[in-house]
Full PDB file with SEQRES, HELIX, SHEET, SSBOND, CRYST1, ORIGX, SCALE, CONECT and MASTER records, all heavy atoms in Angstrom:
SEQRES   1 A   30  ILE MET ALA ALA ASP VAL VAL TYR TYR HIS PRO PHE LEU          
SEQRES   2 A   30  ASP GLU LEU LEU LEU THR PHE ASP HIS LEU CYS LYS ASN          
SEQRES   3 A   30  ASP THR VAL ILE                                              
HELIX    1 AA1 LEU A   13  LEU A   23  1                                  11    
CRYST1    1.000    1.000    1.000  90.00  90.00  90.00 P 1           1          
ORIGX1      1.000000  0.000000  0.000000        0.00000                         
ORIGX2      0.000000  1.000000  0.000000        0.00000                         
ORIGX3      0.000000  0.000000  1.000000        0.00000                         
SCALE1      1.000000  0.000000  0.000000        0.00000                         
SCALE2      0.000000  1.000000  0.000000        0.00000                         
SCALE3      0.000000  0.000000  1.000000        0.00000                         
ATOM      1  N   ILE A   1       0.874  -1.166   0.000  1.00  0.00           N  
ATOM      2  CA  ILE A   1       0.000   0.000   0.000  1.00  0.00           C  
ATOM      3  C   ILE A   1       0.910   1.215   0.000  1.00  0.00           C  
ATOM      4  O   ILE A   1       1.817   1.323   0.829  1.00  0.00           O  
ATOM      5  CB  ILE A   1      -0.904   0.039   1.247  1.00  0.00           C  
ATOM      6  CG1 ILE A   1      -1.797  -1.200   1.298  1.00  0.00           C  
ATOM      7  CG2 ILE A   1      -1.758   1.312   1.264  1.00  0.00           C  
ATOM      8  CD1 ILE A   1      -2.551  -1.342   2.622  1.00  0.00           C  
ATOM      9  N   MET A   2       0.672   2.142  -0.928  1.00  0.00           N  
ATOM     10  CA  MET A   2       1.500   3.340  -1.014  1.00  0.00           C  
ATOM     11  C   MET A   2       0.651   4.573  -0.795  1.00  0.00           C  
ATOM     12  O   MET A   2      -0.502   4.640  -1.239  1.00  0.00           O  
ATOM     13  CB  MET A   2       2.213   3.403  -2.370  1.00  0.00           C  
ATOM     14  CG  MET A   2       3.169   2.243  -2.586  1.00  0.00           C  
ATOM     15  SD  MET A   2       4.166   2.391  -4.071  1.00  0.00           S  
ATOM     16  CE  MET A   2       5.014   0.801  -4.013  1.00  0.00           C  
ATOM     17  N   ALA A   3       1.236   5.535  -0.115  1.00  0.00           N  
ATOM     18  CA  ALA A   3       0.526   6.775   0.170  1.00  0.00           C  
ATOM     19  C   ALA A   3       1.528   7.909   0.309  1.00  0.00           C  
ATOM     20  O   ALA A   3       2.572   7.750   0.950  1.00  0.00           O  
ATOM     21  CB  ALA A   3      -0.295   6.634   1.451  1.00  0.00           C  
ATOM     22  N   ALA A   4       1.227   9.047  -0.292  1.00  0.00           N  
ATOM     23  CA  ALA A   4       2.087  10.227  -0.198  1.00  0.00           C  
ATOM     24  C   ALA A   4       1.232  11.436   0.171  1.00  0.00           C  
ATOM     25  O   ALA A   4       0.297  11.781  -0.558  1.00  0.00           O  
ATOM     26  CB  ALA A   4       2.822  10.475  -1.519  1.00  0.00           C  
ATOM     27  N   ASP A   5       1.542  12.008   1.305  1.00  0.00           N  
ATOM     28  CA  ASP A   5       0.887  13.239   1.761  1.00  0.00           C  
ATOM     29  C   ASP A   5      -0.626  13.086   1.890  1.00  0.00           C  
ATOM     30  O   ASP A   5      -1.388  13.953   1.468  1.00  0.00           O  
ATOM     31  CB  ASP A   5       1.216  14.402   0.817  1.00  0.00           C  
ATOM     32  CG  ASP A   5       1.655  15.636   1.588  1.00  0.00           C  
ATOM     33  OD1 ASP A   5       1.621  15.618   2.837  1.00  0.00           O  
ATOM     34  OD2 ASP A   5       2.025  16.631   0.952  1.00  0.00           O  
ATOM     35  N   VAL A   6      -1.045  11.993   2.499  1.00  0.00           N  
ATOM     36  CA  VAL A   6      -2.482  11.792   2.728  1.00  0.00           C  
ATOM     37  C   VAL A   6      -2.922  12.303   4.100  1.00  0.00           C  
ATOM     38  O   VAL A   6      -4.129  12.350   4.384  1.00  0.00           O  
ATOM     39  CB  VAL A   6      -2.867  10.300   2.580  1.00  0.00           C  
ATOM     40  CG1 VAL A   6      -2.698   9.847   1.140  1.00  0.00           C  
ATOM     41  CG2 VAL A   6      -2.047   9.414   3.521  1.00  0.00           C  
ATOM     42  N   VAL A   7      -1.969  12.660   4.952  1.00  0.00           N  
ATOM     43  CA  VAL A   7      -2.296  13.168   6.283  1.00  0.00           C  
ATOM     44  C   VAL A   7      -1.995  14.661   6.327  1.00  0.00           C  
ATOM     45  O   VAL A   7      -0.844  15.079   6.227  1.00  0.00           O  
ATOM     46  CB  VAL A   7      -1.494  12.432   7.384  1.00  0.00           C  
ATOM     47  CG1 VAL A   7      -1.839  12.993   8.753  1.00  0.00           C  
ATOM     48  CG2 VAL A   7      -1.779  10.939   7.335  1.00  0.00           C  
ATOM     49  N   TYR A   8      -3.043  15.433   6.440  1.00  0.00           N  
ATOM     50  CA  TYR A   8      -2.917  16.883   6.597  1.00  0.00           C  
ATOM     51  C   TYR A   8      -4.202  17.340   7.283  1.00  0.00           C  
ATOM     52  O   TYR A   8      -4.953  16.520   7.831  1.00  0.00           O  
ATOM     53  CB  TYR A   8      -2.694  17.579   5.242  1.00  0.00           C  
ATOM     54  CG  TYR A   8      -3.690  17.208   4.173  1.00  0.00           C  
ATOM     55  CD1 TYR A   8      -4.855  17.948   3.978  1.00  0.00           C  
ATOM     56  CD2 TYR A   8      -3.474  16.102   3.351  1.00  0.00           C  
ATOM     57  CE1 TYR A   8      -5.776  17.599   3.004  1.00  0.00           C  
ATOM     58  CE2 TYR A   8      -4.390  15.737   2.373  1.00  0.00           C  
ATOM     59  CZ  TYR A   8      -5.541  16.496   2.196  1.00  0.00           C  
ATOM     60  OH  TYR A   8      -6.441  16.139   1.241  1.00  0.00           O  
ATOM     61  N   TYR A   9      -4.478  18.629   7.276  1.00  0.00           N  
ATOM     62  CA  TYR A   9      -5.631  19.123   8.017  1.00  0.00           C  
ATOM     63  C   TYR A   9      -6.912  18.869   7.222  1.00  0.00           C  
ATOM     64  O   TYR A   9      -7.350  19.691   6.420  1.00  0.00           O  
ATOM     65  CB  TYR A   9      -5.483  20.612   8.323  1.00  0.00           C  
ATOM     66  CG  TYR A   9      -6.566  21.121   9.258  1.00  0.00           C  
ATOM     67  CD1 TYR A   9      -6.556  20.759  10.605  1.00  0.00           C  
ATOM     68  CD2 TYR A   9      -7.587  21.944   8.790  1.00  0.00           C  
ATOM     69  CE1 TYR A   9      -7.547  21.203  11.461  1.00  0.00           C  
ATOM     70  CE2 TYR A   9      -8.581  22.388   9.637  1.00  0.00           C  
ATOM     71  CZ  TYR A   9      -8.556  22.025  10.970  1.00  0.00           C  
ATOM     72  OH  TYR A   9      -9.539  22.453  11.814  1.00  0.00           O  
ATOM     73  N   HIS A  10      -7.484  17.681   7.415  1.00  0.00           N  
ATOM     74  CA  HIS A  10      -8.786  17.361   6.816  1.00  0.00           C  
ATOM     75  C   HIS A  10      -9.571  16.525   7.827  1.00  0.00           C  
ATOM     76  O   HIS A  10      -8.993  15.943   8.751  1.00  0.00           O  
ATOM     77  CB  HIS A  10      -8.627  16.635   5.473  1.00  0.00           C  
ATOM     78  CG  HIS A  10      -7.929  15.311   5.551  1.00  0.00           C  
ATOM     79  ND1 HIS A  10      -8.490  14.184   6.098  1.00  0.00           N  
ATOM     80  CD2 HIS A  10      -6.689  14.926   5.138  1.00  0.00           C  
ATOM     81  CE1 HIS A  10      -7.651  13.177   6.015  1.00  0.00           C  
ATOM     82  NE2 HIS A  10      -6.543  13.603   5.446  1.00  0.00           N  
ATOM     83  N   PRO A  11     -10.895  16.445   7.661  1.00  0.00           N  
ATOM     84  CA  PRO A  11     -11.725  15.792   8.682  1.00  0.00           C  
ATOM     85  C   PRO A  11     -11.888  14.288   8.499  1.00  0.00           C  
ATOM     86  O   PRO A  11     -12.786  13.696   9.093  1.00  0.00           O  
ATOM     87  CB  PRO A  11     -13.078  16.502   8.524  1.00  0.00           C  
ATOM     88  CG  PRO A  11     -13.138  16.858   7.076  1.00  0.00           C  
ATOM     89  CD  PRO A  11     -11.715  17.152   6.650  1.00  0.00           C  
ATOM     90  N   PHE A  12     -11.041  13.646   7.703  1.00  0.00           N  
ATOM     91  CA  PHE A  12     -11.249  12.237   7.369  1.00  0.00           C  
ATOM     92  C   PHE A  12     -10.102  11.346   7.846  1.00  0.00           C  
ATOM     93  O   PHE A  12      -9.840  10.299   7.259  1.00  0.00           O  
ATOM     94  CB  PHE A  12     -11.447  12.086   5.855  1.00  0.00           C  
ATOM     95  CG  PHE A  12     -12.543  12.929   5.303  1.00  0.00           C  
ATOM     96  CD1 PHE A  12     -12.249  14.034   4.528  1.00  0.00           C  
ATOM     97  CD2 PHE A  12     -13.872  12.636   5.584  1.00  0.00           C  
ATOM     98  CE1 PHE A  12     -13.262  14.835   4.018  1.00  0.00           C  
ATOM     99  CE2 PHE A  12     -14.898  13.422   5.084  1.00  0.00           C  
ATOM    100  CZ  PHE A  12     -14.596  14.537   4.299  1.00  0.00           C  
ATOM    101  N   LEU A  13      -9.445  11.742   8.911  1.00  0.00           N  
ATOM    102  CA  LEU A  13      -8.325  10.939   9.403  1.00  0.00           C  
ATOM    103  C   LEU A  13      -8.798   9.616   9.986  1.00  0.00           C  
ATOM    104  O   LEU A  13      -8.108   8.598   9.854  1.00  0.00           O  
ATOM    105  CB  LEU A  13      -7.529  11.735  10.436  1.00  0.00           C  
ATOM    106  CG  LEU A  13      -6.798  12.970   9.892  1.00  0.00           C  
ATOM    107  CD1 LEU A  13      -6.075  13.707  11.006  1.00  0.00           C  
ATOM    108  CD2 LEU A  13      -5.821  12.595   8.781  1.00  0.00           C  
ATOM    109  N   ASP A  14      -9.960   9.597  10.642  1.00  0.00           N  
ATOM    110  CA  ASP A  14     -10.513   8.327  11.139  1.00  0.00           C  
ATOM    111  C   ASP A  14     -10.781   7.374   9.985  1.00  0.00           C  
ATOM    112  O   ASP A  14     -10.466   6.175  10.055  1.00  0.00           O  
ATOM    113  CB  ASP A  14     -11.820   8.575  11.908  1.00  0.00           C  
ATOM    114  CG  ASP A  14     -11.596   9.283  13.236  1.00  0.00           C  
ATOM    115  OD1 ASP A  14     -10.446   9.302  13.711  1.00  0.00           O  
ATOM    116  OD2 ASP A  14     -12.575   9.812  13.787  1.00  0.00           O  
ATOM    117  N   GLU A  15     -11.351   7.903   8.913  1.00  0.00           N  
ATOM    118  CA  GLU A  15     -11.653   7.084   7.740  1.00  0.00           C  
ATOM    119  C   GLU A  15     -10.378   6.600   7.042  1.00  0.00           C  
ATOM    120  O   GLU A  15     -10.337   5.488   6.506  1.00  0.00           O  
ATOM    121  CB  GLU A  15     -12.521   7.884   6.758  1.00  0.00           C  
ATOM    122  CG  GLU A  15     -13.939   8.150   7.241  1.00  0.00           C  
ATOM    123  CD  GLU A  15     -14.042   9.338   8.192  1.00  0.00           C  
ATOM    124  OE1 GLU A  15     -12.990   9.942   8.529  1.00  0.00           O  
ATOM    125  OE2 GLU A  15     -15.158   9.676   8.604  1.00  0.00           O  
ATOM    126  N   LEU A  16      -9.361   7.445   7.063  1.00  0.00           N  
ATOM    127  CA  LEU A  16      -8.079   7.038   6.478  1.00  0.00           C  
ATOM    128  C   LEU A  16      -7.490   5.858   7.233  1.00  0.00           C  
ATOM    129  O   LEU A  16      -7.030   4.882   6.627  1.00  0.00           O  
ATOM    130  CB  LEU A  16      -7.103   8.222   6.496  1.00  0.00           C  
ATOM    131  CG  LEU A  16      -5.672   7.930   6.045  1.00  0.00           C  
ATOM    132  CD1 LEU A  16      -5.632   7.410   4.615  1.00  0.00           C  
ATOM    133  CD2 LEU A  16      -4.805   9.185   6.179  1.00  0.00           C  
ATOM    134  N   LEU A  17      -7.500   5.922   8.555  1.00  0.00           N  
ATOM    135  CA  LEU A  17      -6.969   4.825   9.358  1.00  0.00           C  
ATOM    136  C   LEU A  17      -7.776   3.555   9.128  1.00  0.00           C  
ATOM    137  O   LEU A  17      -7.218   2.450   9.021  1.00  0.00           O  
ATOM    138  CB  LEU A  17      -6.977   5.203  10.836  1.00  0.00           C  
ATOM    139  CG  LEU A  17      -6.301   4.220  11.787  1.00  0.00           C  
ATOM    140  CD1 LEU A  17      -4.828   4.028  11.421  1.00  0.00           C  
ATOM    141  CD2 LEU A  17      -6.416   4.703  13.231  1.00  0.00           C  
ATOM    142  N   LEU A  18      -9.088   3.689   9.028  1.00  0.00           N  
ATOM    143  CA  LEU A  18      -9.954   2.544   8.749  1.00  0.00           C  
ATOM    144  C   LEU A  18      -9.609   1.920   7.393  1.00  0.00           C  
ATOM    145  O   LEU A  18      -9.614   0.691   7.234  1.00  0.00           O  
ATOM    146  CB  LEU A  18     -11.418   2.996   8.770  1.00  0.00           C  
ATOM    147  CG  LEU A  18     -12.486   1.919   8.577  1.00  0.00           C  
ATOM    148  CD1 LEU A  18     -12.480   0.941   9.747  1.00  0.00           C  
ATOM    149  CD2 LEU A  18     -13.866   2.561   8.445  1.00  0.00           C  
ATOM    150  N   THR A  19      -9.267   2.759   6.426  1.00  0.00           N  
ATOM    151  CA  THR A  19      -8.921   2.273   5.086  1.00  0.00           C  
ATOM    152  C   THR A  19      -7.597   1.514   5.101  1.00  0.00           C  
ATOM    153  O   THR A  19      -7.482   0.435   4.507  1.00  0.00           O  
ATOM    154  CB  THR A  19      -8.861   3.460   4.108  1.00  0.00           C  
ATOM    155  OG1 THR A  19     -10.130   4.125   4.096  1.00  0.00           O  
ATOM    156  CG2 THR A  19      -8.531   2.989   2.699  1.00  0.00           C  
ATOM    157  N   PHE A  20      -6.604   2.068   5.772  1.00  0.00           N  
ATOM    158  CA  PHE A  20      -5.340   1.336   5.935  1.00  0.00           C  
ATOM    159  C   PHE A  20      -5.603  -0.033   6.561  1.00  0.00           C  
ATOM    160  O   PHE A  20      -5.074  -1.059   6.105  1.00  0.00           O  
ATOM    161  CB  PHE A  20      -4.382   2.122   6.837  1.00  0.00           C  
ATOM    162  CG  PHE A  20      -3.530   3.130   6.134  1.00  0.00           C  
ATOM    163  CD1 PHE A  20      -3.544   4.466   6.522  1.00  0.00           C  
ATOM    164  CD2 PHE A  20      -2.675   2.756   5.101  1.00  0.00           C  
ATOM    165  CE1 PHE A  20      -2.740   5.404   5.890  1.00  0.00           C  
ATOM    166  CE2 PHE A  20      -1.863   3.688   4.464  1.00  0.00           C  
ATOM    167  CZ  PHE A  20      -1.903   5.018   4.863  1.00  0.00           C  
ATOM    168  N   ASP A  21      -6.404  -0.063   7.604  1.00  0.00           N  
ATOM    169  CA  ASP A  21      -6.681  -1.294   8.331  1.00  0.00           C  
ATOM    170  C   ASP A  21      -7.386  -2.311   7.449  1.00  0.00           C  
ATOM    171  O   ASP A  21      -7.079  -3.505   7.483  1.00  0.00           O  
ATOM    172  CB  ASP A  21      -7.526  -0.968   9.569  1.00  0.00           C  
ATOM    173  CG  ASP A  21      -7.756  -2.176  10.459  1.00  0.00           C  
ATOM    174  OD1 ASP A  21      -6.807  -2.958  10.659  1.00  0.00           O  
ATOM    175  OD2 ASP A  21      -8.883  -2.344  10.957  1.00  0.00           O  
ATOM    176  N   HIS A  22      -8.330  -1.855   6.644  1.00  0.00           N  
ATOM    177  CA  HIS A  22      -9.095  -2.768   5.792  1.00  0.00           C  
ATOM    178  C   HIS A  22      -8.224  -3.367   4.685  1.00  0.00           C  
ATOM    179  O   HIS A  22      -8.328  -4.564   4.380  1.00  0.00           O  
ATOM    180  CB  HIS A  22     -10.279  -2.025   5.172  1.00  0.00           C  
ATOM    181  CG  HIS A  22     -11.114  -2.886   4.277  1.00  0.00           C  
ATOM    182  ND1 HIS A  22     -12.121  -3.701   4.751  1.00  0.00           N  
ATOM    183  CD2 HIS A  22     -11.074  -3.088   2.922  1.00  0.00           C  
ATOM    184  CE1 HIS A  22     -12.674  -4.353   3.739  1.00  0.00           C  
ATOM    185  NE2 HIS A  22     -12.054  -4.001   2.619  1.00  0.00           N  
ATOM    186  N   LEU A  23      -7.375  -2.565   4.076  1.00  0.00           N  
ATOM    187  CA  LEU A  23      -6.610  -3.013   2.909  1.00  0.00           C  
ATOM    188  C   LEU A  23      -5.369  -3.822   3.270  1.00  0.00           C  
ATOM    189  O   LEU A  23      -4.837  -4.547   2.433  1.00  0.00           O  
ATOM    190  CB  LEU A  23      -6.171  -1.801   2.077  1.00  0.00           C  
ATOM    191  CG  LEU A  23      -7.296  -0.964   1.436  1.00  0.00           C  
ATOM    192  CD1 LEU A  23      -6.705   0.281   0.778  1.00  0.00           C  
ATOM    193  CD2 LEU A  23      -8.074  -1.787   0.422  1.00  0.00           C  
ATOM    194  N   CYS A  24      -4.900  -3.694   4.505  1.00  0.00           N  
ATOM    195  CA  CYS A  24      -3.620  -4.281   4.897  1.00  0.00           C  
ATOM    196  C   CYS A  24      -3.780  -5.711   5.409  1.00  0.00           C  
ATOM    197  O   CYS A  24      -4.450  -5.952   6.416  1.00  0.00           O  
ATOM    198  CB  CYS A  24      -2.971  -3.408   5.971  1.00  0.00           C  
ATOM    199  SG  CYS A  24      -1.263  -3.871   6.324  1.00  0.00           S  
ATOM    200  N   LYS A  25      -3.153  -6.660   4.733  1.00  0.00           N  
ATOM    201  CA  LYS A  25      -3.104  -8.037   5.186  1.00  0.00           C  
ATOM    202  C   LYS A  25      -1.862  -8.237   6.063  1.00  0.00           C  
ATOM    203  O   LYS A  25      -1.055  -7.337   6.255  1.00  0.00           O  
ATOM    204  CB  LYS A  25      -3.059  -8.985   3.984  1.00  0.00           C  
ATOM    205  CG  LYS A  25      -4.317  -8.979   3.130  1.00  0.00           C  
ATOM    206  CD  LYS A  25      -5.468  -9.650   3.846  1.00  0.00           C  
ATOM    207  CE  LYS A  25      -6.588 -10.059   2.883  1.00  0.00           C  
ATOM    208  NZ  LYS A  25      -7.232  -8.924   2.193  1.00  0.00           N  
ATOM    209  N   ASN A  26      -1.680  -9.459   6.557  1.00  0.00           N  
ATOM    210  CA  ASN A  26      -0.555  -9.730   7.454  1.00  0.00           C  
ATOM    211  C   ASN A  26       0.812  -9.565   6.793  1.00  0.00           C  
ATOM    212  O   ASN A  26       1.802  -9.271   7.469  1.00  0.00           O  
ATOM    213  CB  ASN A  26      -0.679 -11.140   8.033  1.00  0.00           C  
ATOM    214  CG  ASN A  26      -1.794 -11.238   9.056  1.00  0.00           C  
ATOM    215  OD1 ASN A  26      -1.920 -10.370   9.914  1.00  0.00           O  
ATOM    216  ND2 ASN A  26      -2.605 -12.264   8.968  1.00  0.00           N  
ATOM    217  N   ASP A  27       0.871  -9.765   5.473  1.00  0.00           N  
ATOM    218  CA  ASP A  27       2.164  -9.632   4.794  1.00  0.00           C  
ATOM    219  C   ASP A  27       2.231  -8.405   3.888  1.00  0.00           C  
ATOM    220  O   ASP A  27       3.148  -8.273   3.081  1.00  0.00           O  
ATOM    221  CB  ASP A  27       2.498 -10.898   3.997  1.00  0.00           C  
ATOM    222  CG  ASP A  27       1.430 -11.243   2.973  1.00  0.00           C  
ATOM    223  OD1 ASP A  27       0.373 -10.585   2.970  1.00  0.00           O  
ATOM    224  OD2 ASP A  27       1.651 -12.166   2.166  1.00  0.00           O  
ATOM    225  N   THR A  28       1.281  -7.502   4.030  1.00  0.00           N  
ATOM    226  CA  THR A  28       1.293  -6.264   3.250  1.00  0.00           C  
ATOM    227  C   THR A  28       2.280  -5.268   3.854  1.00  0.00           C  
ATOM    228  O   THR A  28       2.363  -5.119   5.072  1.00  0.00           O  
ATOM    229  CB  THR A  28      -0.108  -5.625   3.222  1.00  0.00           C  
ATOM    230  OG1 THR A  28      -1.045  -6.551   2.650  1.00  0.00           O  
ATOM    231  CG2 THR A  28      -0.112  -4.337   2.407  1.00  0.00           C  
ATOM    232  N   VAL A  29       3.024  -4.604   2.989  1.00  0.00           N  
ATOM    233  CA  VAL A  29       3.945  -3.544   3.407  1.00  0.00           C  
ATOM    234  C   VAL A  29       3.345  -2.196   3.019  1.00  0.00           C  
ATOM    235  O   VAL A  29       2.926  -1.999   1.877  1.00  0.00           O  
ATOM    236  CB  VAL A  29       5.327  -3.706   2.751  1.00  0.00           C  
ATOM    237  CG1 VAL A  29       6.225  -2.506   3.072  1.00  0.00           C  
ATOM    238  CG2 VAL A  29       5.988  -4.999   3.200  1.00  0.00           C  
ATOM    239  N   ILE A  30       3.290  -1.291   3.981  1.00  0.00           N  
ATOM    240  CA  ILE A  30       2.837   0.070   3.718  1.00  0.00           C  
ATOM    241  C   ILE A  30       4.065   0.961   3.551  1.00  0.00           C  
ATOM    242  O   ILE A  30       4.960   0.954   4.393  1.00  0.00           O  
ATOM    243  CB  ILE A  30       1.967   0.606   4.872  1.00  0.00           C  
ATOM    244  CG1 ILE A  30       0.704  -0.251   5.032  1.00  0.00           C  
ATOM    245  CG2 ILE A  30       1.585   2.069   4.638  1.00  0.00           C  
ATOM    246  CD1 ILE A  30      -0.111   0.083   6.277  1.00  0.00           C  
TER     247      ILE A  30                                                      
MASTER        0    0    0    1    0    0    0    6  246    1    0    3          
END                                                                             
């Protein structure tokens, strides 16, 4: 999973964390 500059002042940080959690398997590298 790749992400660049997805954390800044926006109201969707809870949803972002939920998305990381959903997409990430045990052997997935972020």
